[in-house]
C-alpha cells in the first residue's frame, strides 16, 4: 500500500509540473503575440502618416499640373482679350512713357512772312517761316478758315518789333509767346501748343 501511495504522489507531482509548464508556455506565447501586435500597430501608424503625407503631396501636384494644363488649353478663359481701342491706347501710352514726353500734335505750316522792321536810321526786313503744333486735329480746319485773320495778327506783331527786339535768343522766345497768345485768343476748337521757327532771317 505504501508503494502505491508513493507512486500515486509521484504521478500527481509530474502532472502538476506538466500543467505548470504548459501554463508558462501559454503565457510566453500570449506575451509574444501582444508584442507582435503592438509592433504591427506602431508600424501601421507610422506608415499611415507617411502615406497620408505622400498622398496629399501627390494630390497637390496633380492639382497644380491640372491647373497648368487648363491655362495652356484655355488661355482666353482666364484673360479677357483687349479690343482695338485698348490696344491702341496701350501703344500710345507705352511710347509716351518710354520717351518721357508727349507725342507731337498736328502740325500746321504757315506761309513765309516778310516784314519791315526798324533798326535806328536803317530799314531792315525780317523773313520768318513757322509751323504751329496744334492740340486737336480740328484746329487745323479752323486756322485754315481764319487764315487771313491769323496772318494779319502775325504781320502786325512782327512789324512792331525792332532789330534789337529779335536779334537775341530771349527776343525770339518772347516773340514766340506773343504769337501764340494772339493766335489762341481767336481759336475756339482748340489751341496752338507750340510754334517752331523753321526760317528766321534779318537783313
Protein backbone atom coordinates (compact mmCIF):
# COMPACT_ATOMS: atom_id res chain seq x y z
CA UNK A 1 0.00 0.00 0.00
CA UNK A 2 2.70 2.43 0.84
CA UNK A 3 4.41 1.85 -2.50
CA UNK A 4 1.19 2.54 -4.38
CA UNK A 5 0.67 5.82 -2.48
CA UNK A 6 4.24 6.90 -3.29
CA UNK A 7 3.75 6.15 -6.97
CA UNK A 8 0.44 7.99 -6.96
CA UNK A 9 2.05 11.01 -5.30
CA UNK A 10 4.89 10.97 -7.86
CA UNK A 11 2.46 10.82 -10.76
CA UNK A 12 0.48 13.73 -9.30
CA UNK A 13 3.69 15.75 -8.93
CA UNK A 14 4.62 15.04 -12.57
CA UNK A 15 1.14 16.05 -13.72
CA UNK A 16 1.39 19.30 -11.67
CA UNK A 17 4.78 20.06 -13.18
CA UNK A 18 3.47 19.36 -16.70
CA UNK A 19 0.44 21.56 -16.08
CA UNK A 20 2.63 24.33 -14.66
CA UNK A 21 4.99 24.10 -17.64
CA UNK A 22 2.06 24.27 -20.07
CA UNK A 23 0.69 27.39 -18.41
CA UNK A 24 4.14 29.03 -18.60
CA UNK A 25 4.34 28.30 -22.31
CA UNK A 26 0.89 29.77 -22.87
CA UNK A 27 1.88 32.93 -21.00
CA UNK A 28 5.03 33.31 -23.09
CA UNK A 29 3.07 32.80 -26.31
CA UNK A 30 0.48 35.38 -25.23
CA UNK A 31 3.18 37.94 -24.35
CA UNK A 32 4.91 37.35 -27.69
CA UNK A 33 1.60 37.78 -29.52
CA UNK A 34 0.92 41.08 -27.72
CA UNK A 35 4.39 42.40 -28.61
CA UNK A 36 3.94 41.41 -32.25
CA UNK A 37 0.56 43.13 -32.41
CA UNK A 38 1.91 46.25 -30.71
CA UNK A 39 4.82 46.45 -33.18
CA UNK A 40 2.47 45.96 -36.12
CA UNK A 41 0.18 48.72 -34.83
CA UNK A 42 3.06 51.18 -34.43
CA UNK A 43 4.30 50.37 -37.90
CA UNK A 44 0.82 50.89 -39.31
CA UNK A 45 0.55 54.30 -37.62
CA UNK A 46 3.93 55.42 -38.96
CA UNK A 47 3.28 54.10 -42.43
CA UNK A 48 -0.19 55.56 -42.38
CA UNK A 49 1.03 59.09 -41.53
CA UNK A 50 3.80 58.94 -44.14
CA UNK A 51 1.45 57.56 -46.72
CA UNK A 52 -1.08 60.28 -45.95
CA UNK A 53 1.57 62.99 -46.41
CA UNK A 54 2.73 61.43 -49.66
CA UNK A 55 -0.86 61.18 -50.82
CA UNK A 56 -1.51 64.86 -50.03
CA UNK A 57 1.62 65.90 -51.92
CA UNK A 58 0.60 63.76 -54.86
CA UNK A 59 -2.88 65.35 -54.87
CA UNK A 60 -1.43 68.89 -54.71
CA UNK A 61 1.00 68.07 -57.51
CA UNK A 62 -1.81 66.66 -59.61
CA UNK A 63 -3.95 69.77 -58.96
CA UNK A 64 -1.07 72.04 -59.97
CA UNK A 65 -0.47 70.12 -63.19
CA UNK A 66 -4.20 70.18 -63.96
CA UNK A 67 -4.30 73.97 -63.44
CA UNK A 68 -1.30 74.47 -65.71
CA UNK A 69 -2.91 72.28 -68.38
CA UNK A 70 -6.19 74.20 -68.06
CA UNK A 71 -4.37 77.51 -68.52
CA UNK A 72 -2.48 76.15 -71.52
CA UNK A 73 -5.62 74.68 -73.11
CA UNK A 74 -7.93 77.62 -72.32
CA UNK A 75 -5.83 80.83 -72.11
CA UNK A 76 -8.69 83.07 -73.28
CA UNK A 77 -10.99 81.98 -70.47
CA UNK A 78 -8.63 83.43 -67.85
CA UNK A 79 -7.62 86.65 -69.65
CA UNK A 80 -10.15 88.78 -71.45
CA UNK A 81 -8.83 89.94 -74.85
CA UNK A 82 -8.47 93.67 -75.34
CA UNK A 83 -10.35 95.46 -78.08
CA UNK A 84 -8.68 97.61 -80.71
CA UNK A 85 -9.15 100.86 -78.74
CA UNK A 86 -7.46 99.42 -75.65
CA UNK A 87 -4.54 98.12 -77.73
CA UNK A 88 -4.09 101.47 -79.46
CA UNK A 89 -4.26 103.32 -76.14
CA UNK A 90 -1.69 100.95 -74.67
CA UNK A 91 0.72 101.53 -77.55
CA UNK A 92 0.31 105.30 -77.28
CA UNK A 93 0.87 105.19 -73.51
CA UNK A 94 3.98 102.99 -73.86
CA UNK A 95 5.52 105.35 -76.38
CA UNK A 96 4.83 108.39 -74.22
CA UNK A 97 6.23 106.60 -71.16
CA UNK A 98 9.34 105.35 -72.95
CA UNK A 99 10.30 108.83 -74.19
CA UNK A 100 9.06 110.70 -71.14
CA UNK A 101 7.44 113.29 -73.48
CA UNK A 102 4.07 113.78 -75.14
CA UNK A 103 3.55 112.76 -78.74
CA UNK A 104 3.83 115.54 -81.32
CA UNK A 105 0.48 117.06 -82.19
CA UNK A 106 -0.95 118.05 -85.56
CA UNK A 107 1.33 120.46 -87.46
CA UNK A 108 0.05 123.43 -89.45
CA UNK A 109 2.64 125.21 -91.63
CA UNK A 110 2.26 128.95 -92.10
CA UNK A 111 3.39 130.63 -95.29
CA UNK A 112 6.51 132.77 -95.18
CA UNK A 113 6.25 136.25 -93.65
CA UNK A 114 8.39 139.15 -94.93
CA UNK A 115 8.05 142.29 -92.81
CA UNK A 116 9.98 145.57 -92.50
CA UNK A 117 11.46 146.22 -89.05
CA UNK A 118 13.31 149.25 -87.72
CA UNK A 119 16.97 149.48 -86.76
CA UNK A 120 17.66 153.11 -85.85
CA UNK A 121 18.14 155.04 -89.08
CA UNK A 122 18.29 151.85 -91.16
CA UNK A 123 15.44 149.84 -92.60
CA UNK A 124 15.67 146.11 -92.28
CA UNK A 125 13.34 143.31 -93.13
CA UNK A 126 12.51 140.11 -91.30
CA UNK A 127 11.85 136.89 -93.16
CA UNK A 128 10.06 134.33 -91.00
CA UNK A 129 8.63 130.88 -91.64
CA UNK A 130 6.93 128.98 -88.80
CA UNK A 131 4.97 125.81 -88.01
CA UNK A 132 2.24 125.52 -85.40
CA UNK A 133 1.74 122.44 -83.22
CA UNK A 134 -1.98 122.06 -82.52
CA UNK A 135 -3.77 120.46 -79.57
CA UNK A 136 -6.50 118.97 -81.78
CA UNK A 137 -6.69 117.95 -85.43
CA UNK A 138 -9.85 120.03 -85.95
CA UNK A 139 -7.91 123.21 -85.09
CA UNK A 140 -6.19 122.89 -88.46
CA UNK A 141 -9.51 123.41 -90.25
CA UNK A 142 -10.33 126.42 -88.08
CA UNK A 143 -6.95 128.07 -88.76
CA UNK A 144 -7.42 127.45 -92.47
CA UNK A 145 -10.79 129.22 -92.32
CA UNK A 146 -9.32 132.08 -90.28
CA UNK A 147 -6.04 132.25 -92.21
CA UNK A 148 -6.36 135.89 -93.40
CA UNK A 149 -7.11 136.96 -89.83
CA UNK A 150 -4.18 134.91 -88.43
CA UNK A 151 -1.70 136.33 -90.97
CA UNK A 152 -2.84 139.86 -90.24
CA UNK A 153 -2.32 139.33 -86.48
CA UNK A 154 1.20 137.96 -87.02
CA UNK A 155 2.24 140.63 -89.57
CA UNK A 156 1.10 143.39 -87.19
CA UNK A 157 3.11 141.83 -84.36
CA UNK A 158 6.27 141.40 -86.45
CA UNK A 159 6.03 144.96 -87.80
CA UNK A 160 6.03 146.32 -84.24
CA UNK A 161 9.42 144.77 -83.49
CA UNK A 162 12.84 146.30 -83.92
CA UNK A 163 16.09 144.64 -84.85
CA UNK A 164 17.22 144.73 -81.21
CA UNK A 165 13.98 143.02 -80.13
CA UNK A 166 14.56 139.90 -82.25
CA UNK A 167 18.35 139.59 -82.55
CA UNK A 168 18.80 137.69 -79.28
CA UNK A 169 17.54 134.23 -78.24
CA UNK A 170 15.48 135.80 -75.47
CA UNK A 171 13.87 138.13 -78.00
CA UNK A 172 12.95 135.21 -80.28
CA UNK A 173 11.45 133.28 -77.32
CA UNK A 174 9.34 136.32 -76.38
CA UNK A 175 8.17 136.63 -79.99
CA UNK A 176 7.00 133.00 -79.94
CA UNK A 177 4.97 133.59 -76.77
CA UNK A 178 3.34 136.73 -78.18
CA UNK A 179 2.46 134.97 -81.44
CA UNK A 180 0.85 132.06 -79.56
CA UNK A 181 -1.16 134.44 -77.37
CA UNK A 182 -2.56 136.30 -80.37
CA UNK A 183 -3.40 133.11 -82.27
CA UNK A 184 -5.02 131.31 -79.33
CA UNK A 185 -7.11 134.37 -78.45
CA UNK A 186 -9.17 133.71 -81.60
CA UNK A 187 -9.35 129.90 -81.66
CA UNK A 188 -12.43 128.08 -80.35
CA UNK A 189 -11.90 124.39 -81.25
CA UNK A 190 -8.53 124.04 -79.52
CA UNK A 191 -5.18 125.76 -79.13
CA UNK A 192 -1.77 126.12 -80.72
CA UNK A 193 0.52 124.42 -78.18
CA UNK A 194 3.86 125.44 -79.70
CA UNK A 195 5.34 127.42 -82.54
CA UNK A 196 8.54 126.45 -84.35
CA UNK A 197 10.61 128.90 -86.38
CA UNK A 198 11.83 126.96 -89.41
CA UNK A 199 13.34 130.05 -91.03
CA UNK A 200 14.35 133.33 -89.38
CA UNK A 201 16.40 135.86 -91.34
CA UNK A 202 17.00 139.56 -90.65
CA UNK A 203 18.70 141.72 -93.28
